[in-house]
PDB file of N, CA and C in Angstrom:
ATOM      1  N   MET A   1       1.661  56.689  59.050  1.00  0.00           N
ATOM      2  CA  MET A   1       2.379  57.990  58.478  1.00  0.00           C
ATOM      3  C   MET A   1       3.144  58.118  59.437  1.00  0.00           C
ATOM      4  N   THR A   2       4.776  58.416  59.500  1.00  0.00           N
ATOM      5  CA  THR A   2       5.403  58.508  60.517  1.00  0.00           C
ATOM      6  C   THR A   2       5.123  60.150  60.747  1.00  0.00           C
ATOM      7  N   THR A   3       5.891  60.095  62.043  1.00  0.00           N
ATOM      8  CA  THR A   3       6.009  61.494  62.153  1.00  0.00           C
ATOM      9  C   THR A   3       7.512  61.792  62.870  1.00  0.00           C
ATOM     10  N   PRO A   4       8.227  63.028  62.057  1.00  0.00           N
ATOM     11  CA  PRO A   4       9.392  62.943  62.109  1.00  0.00           C
ATOM     12  C   PRO A   4      10.182  63.640  62.833  1.00  0.00           C
ATOM     13  N   THR A   5      10.971  62.469  63.656  1.00  0.00           N
ATOM     14  CA  THR A   5      11.888  62.983  64.824  1.00  0.00           C
ATOM     15  C   THR A   5      12.554  64.947  64.781  1.00  0.00           C
ATOM     16  N   PRO A   6      12.438  65.514  65.827  1.00  0.00           N
ATOM     17  CA  PRO A   6      12.722  66.660  65.602  1.00  0.00           C
ATOM     18  C   PRO A   6      14.505  66.219  65.667  1.00  0.00           C
ATOM     19  N   ALA A   7      15.073  67.740  65.738  1.00  0.00           N
ATOM     20  CA  ALA A   7      16.939  67.185  65.433  1.00  0.00           C
ATOM     21  C   ALA A   7      16.722  67.760  66.579  1.00  0.00           C
ATOM     22  N   PRO A   8      17.830  66.834  67.724  1.00  0.00           N
ATOM     23  CA  PRO A   8      18.718  67.218  68.502  1.00  0.00           C
ATOM     24  C   PRO A   8      19.405  68.503  69.027  1.00  0.00           C
ATOM     25  N   LYS A   9      18.634  68.958  70.685  1.00  0.00           N
ATOM     26  CA  LYS A   9      19.011  70.017  71.063  1.00  0.00           C
ATOM     27  C   LYS A   9      20.606  70.296  70.745  1.00  0.00           C
ATOM     28  N   PRO A  10      21.333  71.492  70.520  1.00  0.00           N
ATOM     29  CA  PRO A  10      22.657  71.812  70.456  1.00  0.00           C
ATOM     30  C   PRO A  10      22.843  71.827  72.076  1.00  0.00           C
ATOM     31  N   ILE A  11      24.190  70.975  72.175  1.00  0.00           N
ATOM     32  CA  ILE A  11      24.700  71.705  73.208  1.00  0.00           C
ATOM     33  C   ILE A  11      25.188  72.686  73.415  1.00  0.00           C
ATOM     34  N   ARG A  12      25.252  73.162  74.996  1.00  0.00           N
ATOM     35  CA  ARG A  12      25.282  74.913  75.225  1.00  0.00           C
ATOM     36  C   ARG A  12      26.362  74.380  76.108  1.00  0.00           C
ATOM     37  N   TYR A  13      28.097  75.765  75.771  1.00  0.00           N
ATOM     38  CA  TYR A  13      28.815  75.374  76.336  1.00  0.00           C
ATOM     39  C   TYR A  13      29.303  76.819  76.726  1.00  0.00           C
ATOM     40  N   PHE A  14      29.776  77.298  78.203  1.00  0.00           N
ATOM     41  CA  PHE A  14      30.648  78.066  78.173  1.00  0.00           C
ATOM     42  C   PHE A  14      32.033  77.633  78.398  1.00  0.00           C
ATOM     43  N   VAL A  15      32.992  78.569  77.276  1.00  0.00           N
ATOM     44  CA  VAL A  15      34.013  78.501  76.967  1.00  0.00           C
ATOM     45  C   VAL A  15      34.831  79.578  77.287  1.00  0.00           C
ATOM     46  N   SER A  16      35.876  79.490  77.922  1.00  0.00           N
ATOM     47  CA  SER A  16      37.351  80.887  78.520  1.00  0.00           C
ATOM     48  C   SER A  16      38.209  80.424  77.049  1.00  0.00           C
ATOM     49  N   PHE A  17      38.497  81.701  76.187  1.00  0.00           N
ATOM     50  CA  PHE A  17      39.733  81.453  75.695  1.00  0.00           C
ATOM     51  C   PHE A  17      41.029  82.396  75.764  1.00  0.00           C
ATOM     52  N   SER A  18      41.918  82.123  75.392  1.00  0.00           N
ATOM     53  CA  SER A  18      43.176  83.755  74.461  1.00  0.00           C
ATOM     54  C   SER A  18      43.290  83.049  73.780  1.00  0.00           C
ATOM     55  N   ASN A  19      43.903  84.132  72.858  1.00  0.00           N
ATOM     56  CA  ASN A  19      44.627  84.372  71.909  1.00  0.00           C
ATOM     57  C   ASN A  19      46.278  84.734  72.028  1.00  0.00           C
ATOM     58  N   GLY A  20      46.544  85.321  73.326  1.00  0.00           N
ATOM     59  CA  GLY A  20      47.451  86.557  73.404  1.00  0.00           C
ATOM     60  C   GLY A  20      47.493  87.537  73.107  1.00  0.00           C
ATOM     61  N   GLU A  21      46.275  87.923  72.350  1.00  0.00           N
ATOM     62  CA  GLU A  21      45.687  89.967  72.135  1.00  0.00           C
ATOM     63  C   GLU A  21      45.229  89.544  72.859  1.00  0.00           C
ATOM     64  N   GLN A  22      43.709  88.726  73.636  1.00  0.00           N
ATOM     65  CA  GLN A  22      42.432  88.613  73.552  1.00  0.00           C
ATOM     66  C   GLN A  22      42.398  87.541  74.772  1.00  0.00           C
ATOM     67  N   THR A  23      41.390  87.685  75.675  1.00  0.00           N
ATOM     68  CA  THR A  23      41.125  86.864  76.861  1.00  0.00           C
ATOM     69  C   THR A  23      39.625  87.109  76.516  1.00  0.00           C
ATOM     70  N   GLY A  24      38.877  86.254  76.714  1.00  0.00           N
ATOM     71  CA  GLY A  24      36.945  86.034  76.366  1.00  0.00           C
ATOM     72  C   GLY A  24      36.502  85.442  77.143  1.00  0.00           C
ATOM     73  N   SER A  25      35.140  85.373  76.698  1.00  0.00           N
ATOM     74  CA  SER A  25      34.428  84.112  76.932  1.00  0.00           C
ATOM     75  C   SER A  25      33.389  84.300  75.903  1.00  0.00           C
ATOM     76  N   THR A  26      32.568  82.845  76.364  1.00  0.00           N
ATOM     77  CA  THR A  26      31.313  83.184  74.577  1.00  0.00           C
ATOM     78  C   THR A  26      30.807  81.910  75.130  1.00  0.00           C
ATOM     79  N   GLU A  27      29.154  81.782  74.374  1.00  0.00           N
ATOM     80  CA  GLU A  27      28.912  80.781  74.662  1.00  0.00           C
ATOM     81  C   GLU A  27      29.014  80.224  72.984  1.00  0.00           C
ATOM     82  N   VAL A  28      29.152  78.632  73.316  1.00  0.00           N
ATOM     83  CA  VAL A  28      29.308  77.556  71.904  1.00  0.00           C
ATOM     84  C   VAL A  28      28.339  76.505  72.617  1.00  0.00           C
ATOM     85  N   HIS A  29      28.294  76.387  70.522  1.00  0.00           N
ATOM     86  CA  HIS A  29      27.041  75.481  70.287  1.00  0.00           C
ATOM     87  C   HIS A  29      27.082  74.088  69.428  1.00  0.00           C
ATOM     88  N   LEU A  30      27.865  73.516  70.399  1.00  0.00           N
ATOM     89  CA  LEU A  30      27.996  71.777  69.808  1.00  0.00           C
ATOM     90  C   LEU A  30      26.685  70.902  69.502  1.00  0.00           C
ATOM     91  N   HIS A  31      26.649  70.018  68.369  1.00  0.00           N
ATOM     92  CA  HIS A  31      25.548  68.542  68.644  1.00  0.00           C
ATOM     93  C   HIS A  31      26.334  67.876  69.183  1.00  0.00           C
ATOM     94  N   HIS A  32      27.306  67.600  69.860  1.00  0.00           N
ATOM     95  CA  HIS A  32      27.944  66.296  70.208  1.00  0.00           C
ATOM     96  C   HIS A  32      28.856  66.545  71.778  1.00  0.00           C
ATOM     97  N   PRO A  33      29.043  66.076  72.942  1.00  0.00           N
ATOM     98  CA  PRO A  33      29.568  66.221  73.926  1.00  0.00           C
ATOM     99  C   PRO A  33      30.881  66.490  73.616  1.00  0.00           C
ATOM    100  N   ILE A  34      31.929  67.401  74.302  1.00  0.00           N
ATOM    101  CA  ILE A  34      33.135  67.530  74.620  1.00  0.00           C
ATOM    102  C   ILE A  34      33.897  66.446  75.228  1.00  0.00           C
ATOM    103  N   ARG A  35      34.593  66.260  74.533  1.00  0.00           N
ATOM    104  CA  ARG A  35      35.053  64.216  74.977  1.00  0.00           C
ATOM    105  C   ARG A  35      36.067  64.339  74.642  1.00  0.00           C
ATOM    106  N   SER A  36      37.154  64.662  73.662  1.00  0.00           N
ATOM    107  CA  SER A  36      38.629  64.821  73.676  1.00  0.00           C
ATOM    108  C   SER A  36      39.144  66.401  73.028  1.00  0.00           C
ATOM    109  N   MET A  37      40.523  66.075  72.819  1.00  0.00           N
ATOM    110  CA  MET A  37      40.961  66.920  72.300  1.00  0.00           C
ATOM    111  C   MET A  37      40.774  67.403  70.557  1.00  0.00           C
ATOM    112  N   LYS A  38      40.066  66.844  69.610  1.00  0.00           N
ATOM    113  CA  LYS A  38      39.334  67.052  68.601  1.00  0.00           C
ATOM    114  C   LYS A  38      37.668  67.931  68.738  1.00  0.00           C
ATOM    115  N   ASP A  39      36.952  67.612  69.765  1.00  0.00           N
ATOM    116  CA  ASP A  39      36.133  68.184  70.304  1.00  0.00           C
ATOM    117  C   ASP A  39      36.844  69.736  70.334  1.00  0.00           C
ATOM    118  N   ILE A  40      37.561  69.635  70.807  1.00  0.00           N
ATOM    119  CA  ILE A  40      37.929  71.257  71.123  1.00  0.00           C
ATOM    120  C   ILE A  40      38.830  71.907  70.080  1.00  0.00           C
ATOM    121  N   TYR A  41      39.464  71.004  68.659  1.00  0.00           N
ATOM    122  CA  TYR A  41      39.979  71.677  67.794  1.00  0.00           C
ATOM    123  C   TYR A  41      38.630  72.384  67.486  1.00  0.00           C
ATOM    124  N   VAL A  42      37.560  71.392  67.479  1.00  0.00           N
ATOM    125  CA  VAL A  42      36.036  71.961  66.540  1.00  0.00           C
ATOM    126  C   VAL A  42      36.034  73.468  67.252  1.00  0.00           C
ATOM    127  N   VAL A  43      36.304  73.489  69.081  1.00  0.00           N
ATOM    128  CA  VAL A  43      35.760  74.904  69.226  1.00  0.00           C
ATOM    129  C   VAL A  43      36.908  76.052  69.092  1.00  0.00           C
ATOM    130  N   GLN A  44      37.860  75.638  68.809  1.00  0.00           N
ATOM    131  CA  GLN A  44      38.854  76.416  68.452  1.00  0.00           C
ATOM    132  C   GLN A  44      38.127  76.958  66.956  1.00  0.00           C
ATOM    133  N   ARG A  45      37.979  75.942  65.666  1.00  0.00           N
ATOM    134  CA  ARG A  45      38.391  76.703  65.254  1.00  0.00           C
ATOM    135  C   ARG A  45      36.345  77.640  64.598  1.00  0.00           C
ATOM    136  N   ILE A  46      35.414  77.508  65.895  1.00  0.00           N
ATOM    137  CA  ILE A  46      34.201  77.884  66.023  1.00  0.00           C
ATOM    138  C   ILE A  46      34.732  79.336  66.243  1.00  0.00           C
ATOM    139  N   LEU A  47      35.876  79.367  67.286  1.00  0.00           N
ATOM    140  CA  LEU A  47      36.378  80.469  67.693  1.00  0.00           C
ATOM    141  C   LEU A  47      36.618  81.550  66.916  1.00  0.00           C
ATOM    142  N   ALA A  48      37.517  80.379  65.825  1.00  0.00           N
ATOM    143  CA  ALA A  48      39.167  81.658  64.626  1.00  0.00           C
ATOM    144  C   ALA A  48      37.587  81.892  63.826  1.00  0.00           C
ATOM    145  N   ASP A  49      36.703  80.941  63.248  1.00  0.00           N
ATOM    146  CA  ASP A  49      35.535  82.159  62.527  1.00  0.00           C
ATOM    147  C   ASP A  49      34.720  83.264  62.818  1.00  0.00           C
ATOM    148  N   ALA A  50      34.719  83.580  64.214  1.00  0.00           N
ATOM    149  CA  ALA A  50      34.432  84.362  65.012  1.00  0.00           C
ATOM    150  C   ALA A  50      34.854  85.169  65.192  1.00  0.00           C
ATOM    151  N   GLY A  51      36.491  85.445  64.858  1.00  0.00           N
ATOM    152  CA  GLY A  51      37.013  86.545  64.821  1.00  0.00           C
ATOM    153  C   GLY A  51      38.485  86.276  65.723  1.00  0.00           C
ATOM    154  N   ALA A  52      38.630  85.076  66.867  1.00  0.00           N
ATOM    155  CA  ALA A  52      39.463  84.989  67.501  1.00  0.00           C
ATOM    156  C   ALA A  52      40.496  84.351  67.136  1.00  0.00           C
ATOM    157  N   HIS A  53      41.525  84.379  66.022  1.00  0.00           N
ATOM    158  CA  HIS A  53      42.245  83.658  65.586  1.00  0.00           C
ATOM    159  C   HIS A  53      43.053  83.437  66.510  1.00  0.00           C
ATOM    160  N   GLY A  54      43.757  82.463  66.515  1.00  0.00           N
ATOM    161  CA  GLY A  54      44.637  81.572  66.858  1.00  0.00           C
ATOM    162  C   GLY A  54      44.046  81.239  68.429  1.00  0.00           C
ATOM    163  N   ALA A  55      43.044  81.038  68.845  1.00  0.00           N
ATOM    164  CA  ALA A  55      42.004  80.928  69.802  1.00  0.00           C
ATOM    165  C   ALA A  55      42.876  79.426  70.556  1.00  0.00           C
ATOM    166  N   VAL A  56      43.091  80.178  72.479  1.00  0.00           N
ATOM    167  CA  VAL A  56      43.451  78.479  73.059  1.00  0.00           C
ATOM    168  C   VAL A  56      42.535  78.357  73.423  1.00  0.00           C
ATOM    169  N   VAL A  57      41.957  77.383  74.102  1.00  0.00           N
ATOM    170  CA  VAL A  57      40.617  76.964  74.891  1.00  0.00           C
ATOM    171  C   VAL A  57      41.229  76.882  76.337  1.00  0.00           C
ATOM    172  N   LEU A  58      40.765  78.078  77.252  1.00  0.00           N
ATOM    173  CA  LEU A  58      41.437  77.616  78.383  1.00  0.00           C
ATOM    174  C   LEU A  58      40.652  76.996  79.469  1.00  0.00           C
ATOM    175  N   GLY A  59      39.454  77.318  78.857  1.00  0.00           N
ATOM    176  CA  GLY A  59      38.340  76.361  80.252  1.00  0.00           C
ATOM    177  C   GLY A  59      37.250  76.291  79.325  1.00  0.00           C
ATOM    178  N   TRP A  60      35.898  75.286  79.938  1.00  0.00           N
ATOM    179  CA  TRP A  60      35.149  75.028  79.081  1.00  0.00           C
ATOM    180  C   TRP A  60      33.928  74.648  80.306  1.00  0.00           C
ATOM    181  N   GLN A  61      32.827  74.972  80.593  1.00  0.00           N
ATOM    182  CA  GLN A  61      31.642  74.376  81.065  1.00  0.00           C
ATOM    183  C   GLN A  61      30.320  74.143  80.791  1.00  0.00           C
ATOM    184  N   ARG A  62      29.377  72.764  80.268  1.00  0.00           N
ATOM    185  CA  ARG A  62      28.042  73.025  80.251  1.00  0.00           C
ATOM    186  C   ARG A  62      27.214  73.835  80.934  1.00  0.00           C
ATOM    187  N   PHE A  63      26.460  73.615  79.972  1.00  0.00           N
ATOM    188  CA  PHE A  63      25.457  75.057  80.438  1.00  0.00           C
ATOM    189  C   PHE A  63      24.120  73.192  81.305  1.00  0.00           C
ATOM    190  N   GLU A  64      23.643  73.532  82.301  1.00  0.00           N
ATOM    191  CA  GLU A  64      22.205  72.966  82.803  1.00  0.00           C
ATOM    192  C   GLU A  64      20.908  73.135  81.577  1.00  0.00           C
ATOM    193  N   ASP A  65      20.515  72.109  81.109  1.00  0.00           N
ATOM    194  CA  ASP A  65      19.603  71.984  80.343  1.00  0.00           C
ATOM    195  C   ASP A  65      18.587  72.808  80.370  1.00  0.00           C
ATOM    196  N   GLU A  66      18.110  73.474  79.653  1.00  0.00           N
ATOM    197  CA  GLU A  66      17.246  74.741  80.022  1.00  0.00           C
ATOM    198  C   GLU A  66      15.494  73.912  80.603  1.00  0.00           C
ATOM    199  N   GLN A  67      14.969  74.187  81.598  1.00  0.00           N
ATOM    200  CA  GLN A  67      13.212  73.094  81.924  1.00  0.00           C
ATOM    201  C   GLN A  67      12.693  73.687  80.819  1.00  0.00           C
TER     202      GLN A  67
END
């Protein structure tokens, strides 16, 4: 009998954004690293789902893995 492998831990990012009305920062969890504009669009969709419609990502930083 094999033991199921645990799901990978999400990658945690600190993201700063603006949508013209508000500027803010938040933590976003992804299951893949940010490597392209396609990934930024995923982050923008997450922000929009959280109420920051039309958000533009100003910057991001990956959090260090917890020990």
